[in-house]
Amino acid sequence: MNKNKERAYYVFIFVVNFSVLLLFSEWMTLREMFLLFFVSILIHALAIYHAKKRQKLRALHRAKNKEKTQKRF
């Protein structure tokens, strides 16, 4: 995924979470709203970390494959 699509995805998820908070705000206490918001931010941070880790591993794997093909020729 390119950076613009990733940003759009995270903004979309954030908007959906915020909409859910607003939708159920009448039945939730302020403490529950902050807890849910904090948990959603943690989940987003973990998703970003995981995506960057996968990207590094993919680049490393690509570099190893490139070295192997260069050694063959």
N, C-alpha and C. Protein backbone atom coordinates (compact mmCIF):
# COMPACT_ATOMS: atom_id res chain seq x y z
N MET A 1 0.84 -1.18 0.00
CA MET A 1 0.00 0.00 0.00
C MET A 1 0.89 1.25 0.00
N ASN A 2 0.57 2.21 -0.82
CA ASN A 2 1.38 3.42 -0.79
C ASN A 2 0.95 4.30 0.40
N LYS A 3 1.75 5.33 0.64
CA LYS A 3 1.54 6.14 1.85
C LYS A 3 0.19 6.84 1.88
N ASN A 4 -0.28 7.32 0.73
CA ASN A 4 -1.57 8.02 0.71
C ASN A 4 -2.71 7.09 1.08
N LYS A 5 -2.67 5.86 0.58
CA LYS A 5 -3.72 4.90 0.91
C LYS A 5 -3.66 4.54 2.39
N GLU A 6 -2.43 4.39 2.93
CA GLU A 6 -2.30 4.07 4.36
C GLU A 6 -2.86 5.20 5.21
N ARG A 7 -2.53 6.43 4.85
CA ARG A 7 -3.04 7.57 5.62
C ARG A 7 -4.56 7.64 5.54
N ALA A 8 -5.08 7.42 4.35
CA ALA A 8 -6.54 7.45 4.19
C ALA A 8 -7.19 6.35 5.02
N TYR A 9 -6.56 5.19 5.06
CA TYR A 9 -7.09 4.07 5.85
C TYR A 9 -7.12 4.42 7.33
N TYR A 10 -6.02 4.99 7.84
CA TYR A 10 -5.98 5.33 9.26
C TYR A 10 -6.96 6.45 9.60
N VAL A 11 -7.11 7.41 8.71
CA VAL A 11 -8.08 8.48 8.94
C VAL A 11 -9.50 7.91 8.94
N PHE A 12 -9.77 6.98 8.02
CA PHE A 12 -11.09 6.35 7.96
C PHE A 12 -11.38 5.60 9.26
N ILE A 13 -10.42 4.82 9.74
CA ILE A 13 -10.60 4.07 10.98
C ILE A 13 -10.83 5.03 12.15
N PHE A 14 -10.06 6.12 12.19
CA PHE A 14 -10.20 7.10 13.26
C PHE A 14 -11.60 7.72 13.23
N VAL A 15 -12.08 8.07 12.05
CA VAL A 15 -13.41 8.67 11.92
C VAL A 15 -14.49 7.69 12.34
N VAL A 16 -14.34 6.43 11.96
CA VAL A 16 -15.32 5.42 12.36
C VAL A 16 -15.34 5.27 13.87
N ASN A 17 -14.16 5.20 14.49
CA ASN A 17 -14.10 5.09 15.95
C ASN A 17 -14.75 6.30 16.62
N PHE A 18 -14.43 7.47 16.12
CA PHE A 18 -14.99 8.69 16.71
C PHE A 18 -16.51 8.73 16.53
N SER A 19 -16.99 8.27 15.38
CA SER A 19 -18.44 8.23 15.13
C SER A 19 -19.13 7.28 16.09
N VAL A 20 -18.51 6.14 16.34
CA VAL A 20 -19.08 5.18 17.30
C VAL A 20 -19.13 5.80 18.69
N LEU A 21 -18.06 6.50 19.06
CA LEU A 21 -18.06 7.18 20.36
C LEU A 21 -19.20 8.19 20.46
N LEU A 22 -19.38 8.97 19.41
CA LEU A 22 -20.46 9.96 19.44
C LEU A 22 -21.83 9.31 19.43
N LEU A 23 -21.96 8.22 18.71
CA LEU A 23 -23.25 7.53 18.62
C LEU A 23 -23.69 6.98 19.97
N PHE A 24 -22.74 6.40 20.70
CA PHE A 24 -23.07 5.78 21.98
C PHE A 24 -22.74 6.67 23.17
N SER A 25 -22.49 7.95 22.92
CA SER A 25 -22.08 8.84 24.00
C SER A 25 -23.17 9.01 25.06
N GLU A 26 -24.41 8.85 24.68
CA GLU A 26 -25.49 9.01 25.66
C GLU A 26 -25.48 7.90 26.70
N TRP A 27 -25.06 6.70 26.27
CA TRP A 27 -25.10 5.55 27.18
C TRP A 27 -23.76 5.28 27.87
N MET A 28 -22.70 5.96 27.42
CA MET A 28 -21.38 5.73 28.00
C MET A 28 -21.00 6.85 28.95
N THR A 29 -20.26 6.48 29.97
CA THR A 29 -19.71 7.51 30.85
C THR A 29 -18.47 8.09 30.19
N LEU A 30 -18.04 9.20 30.71
CA LEU A 30 -16.85 9.86 30.15
C LEU A 30 -15.62 8.98 30.31
N ARG A 31 -15.52 8.27 31.42
CA ARG A 31 -14.39 7.38 31.66
C ARG A 31 -14.34 6.25 30.62
N GLU A 32 -15.49 5.68 30.31
CA GLU A 32 -15.54 4.61 29.30
C GLU A 32 -15.15 5.14 27.92
N MET A 33 -15.57 6.37 27.62
CA MET A 33 -15.22 6.96 26.32
C MET A 33 -13.71 7.16 26.21
N PHE A 34 -13.09 7.70 27.26
CA PHE A 34 -11.64 7.89 27.24
C PHE A 34 -10.91 6.56 27.15
N LEU A 35 -11.40 5.56 27.86
CA LEU A 35 -10.77 4.24 27.81
C LEU A 35 -10.86 3.65 26.41
N LEU A 36 -12.02 3.73 25.79
CA LEU A 36 -12.20 3.21 24.43
C LEU A 36 -11.33 3.98 23.44
N PHE A 37 -11.26 5.28 23.59
CA PHE A 37 -10.44 6.11 22.71
C PHE A 37 -8.96 5.76 22.87
N PHE A 38 -8.51 5.59 24.10
CA PHE A 38 -7.12 5.24 24.37
C PHE A 38 -6.78 3.87 23.79
N VAL A 39 -7.67 2.92 23.94
CA VAL A 39 -7.44 1.58 23.39
C VAL A 39 -7.38 1.63 21.87
N SER A 40 -8.23 2.42 21.25
CA SER A 40 -8.20 2.52 19.78
C SER A 40 -6.89 3.16 19.31
N ILE A 41 -6.38 4.14 20.04
CA ILE A 41 -5.09 4.74 19.68
C ILE A 41 -3.97 3.72 19.82
N LEU A 42 -4.01 2.91 20.88
CA LEU A 42 -3.00 1.86 21.04
C LEU A 42 -3.06 0.85 19.90
N ILE A 43 -4.25 0.47 19.50
CA ILE A 43 -4.39 -0.48 18.39
C ILE A 43 -3.83 0.12 17.10
N HIS A 44 -4.09 1.38 16.85
CA HIS A 44 -3.54 2.03 15.65
C HIS A 44 -2.02 2.08 15.71
N ALA A 45 -1.47 2.40 16.88
CA ALA A 45 -0.01 2.45 17.01
C ALA A 45 0.60 1.08 16.76
N LEU A 46 -0.01 0.03 17.29
CA LEU A 46 0.49 -1.32 17.05
C LEU A 46 0.37 -1.70 15.57
N ALA A 47 -0.69 -1.28 14.92
CA ALA A 47 -0.85 -1.58 13.49
C ALA A 47 0.22 -0.88 12.67
N ILE A 48 0.52 0.36 13.00
CA ILE A 48 1.56 1.10 12.29
C ILE A 48 2.92 0.44 12.52
N TYR A 49 3.20 0.06 13.77
CA TYR A 49 4.47 -0.61 14.09
C TYR A 49 4.59 -1.92 13.32
N HIS A 50 3.51 -2.69 13.30
CA HIS A 50 3.53 -3.98 12.60
C HIS A 50 3.73 -3.79 11.10
N ALA A 51 3.08 -2.78 10.53
CA ALA A 51 3.23 -2.52 9.09
C ALA A 51 4.66 -2.12 8.75
N LYS A 52 5.28 -1.30 9.58
CA LYS A 52 6.66 -0.90 9.33
C LYS A 52 7.61 -2.08 9.48
N LYS A 53 7.34 -2.94 10.45
CA LYS A 53 8.16 -4.13 10.64
C LYS A 53 8.06 -5.05 9.43
N ARG A 54 6.84 -5.25 8.94
CA ARG A 54 6.64 -6.08 7.74
C ARG A 54 7.35 -5.48 6.54
N GLN A 55 7.30 -4.17 6.42
CA GLN A 55 7.94 -3.49 5.30
C GLN A 55 9.46 -3.69 5.35
N LYS A 56 10.05 -3.61 6.54
CA LYS A 56 11.49 -3.84 6.69
C LYS A 56 11.86 -5.27 6.33
N LEU A 57 11.07 -6.23 6.81
CA LEU A 57 11.35 -7.62 6.49
C LEU A 57 11.21 -7.89 5.00
N ARG A 58 10.22 -7.29 4.37
CA ARG A 58 10.02 -7.45 2.93
C ARG A 58 11.21 -6.88 2.16
N ALA A 59 11.70 -5.72 2.59
CA ALA A 59 12.85 -5.10 1.93
C ALA A 59 14.10 -5.96 2.12
N LEU A 60 14.27 -6.51 3.30
CA LEU A 60 15.42 -7.38 3.57
C LEU A 60 15.35 -8.63 2.70
N HIS A 61 14.18 -9.22 2.60
CA HIS A 61 13.99 -10.41 1.78
C HIS A 61 14.25 -10.09 0.30
N ARG A 62 13.79 -8.93 -0.14
CA ARG A 62 14.00 -8.51 -1.52
C ARG A 62 15.49 -8.33 -1.81
N ALA A 63 16.22 -7.76 -0.84
CA ALA A 63 17.66 -7.55 -1.01
C ALA A 63 18.40 -8.89 -1.08
N LYS A 64 17.99 -9.84 -0.25
CA LYS A 64 18.63 -11.16 -0.28
C LYS A 64 18.38 -11.85 -1.62
N ASN A 65 17.15 -11.76 -2.11
CA ASN A 65 16.83 -12.37 -3.41
C ASN A 65 17.61 -11.71 -4.54
N LYS A 66 17.81 -10.41 -4.44
CA LYS A 66 18.57 -9.69 -5.46
C LYS A 66 20.02 -10.16 -5.47
N GLU A 67 20.59 -10.37 -4.26
CA GLU A 67 21.97 -10.86 -4.17
C GLU A 67 22.09 -12.25 -4.76
N LYS A 68 21.12 -13.11 -4.50
CA LYS A 68 21.14 -14.47 -5.03
C LYS A 68 21.10 -14.47 -6.56
N THR A 69 20.25 -13.64 -7.12
CA THR A 69 20.15 -13.60 -8.59
C THR A 69 21.40 -13.01 -9.21
N GLN A 70 22.05 -12.07 -8.54
CA GLN A 70 23.28 -11.49 -9.07
C GLN A 70 24.42 -12.50 -9.01
N LYS A 71 24.44 -13.35 -8.00
CA LYS A 71 25.49 -14.36 -7.89
C LYS A 71 25.36 -15.42 -8.97
N ARG A 72 24.15 -15.69 -9.41
CA ARG A 72 23.93 -16.70 -10.44
C ARG A 72 24.50 -16.26 -11.78
N PHE A 73 24.46 -14.97 -12.07
CA PHE A 73 24.91 -14.49 -13.38
C PHE A 73 26.30 -14.00 -13.36
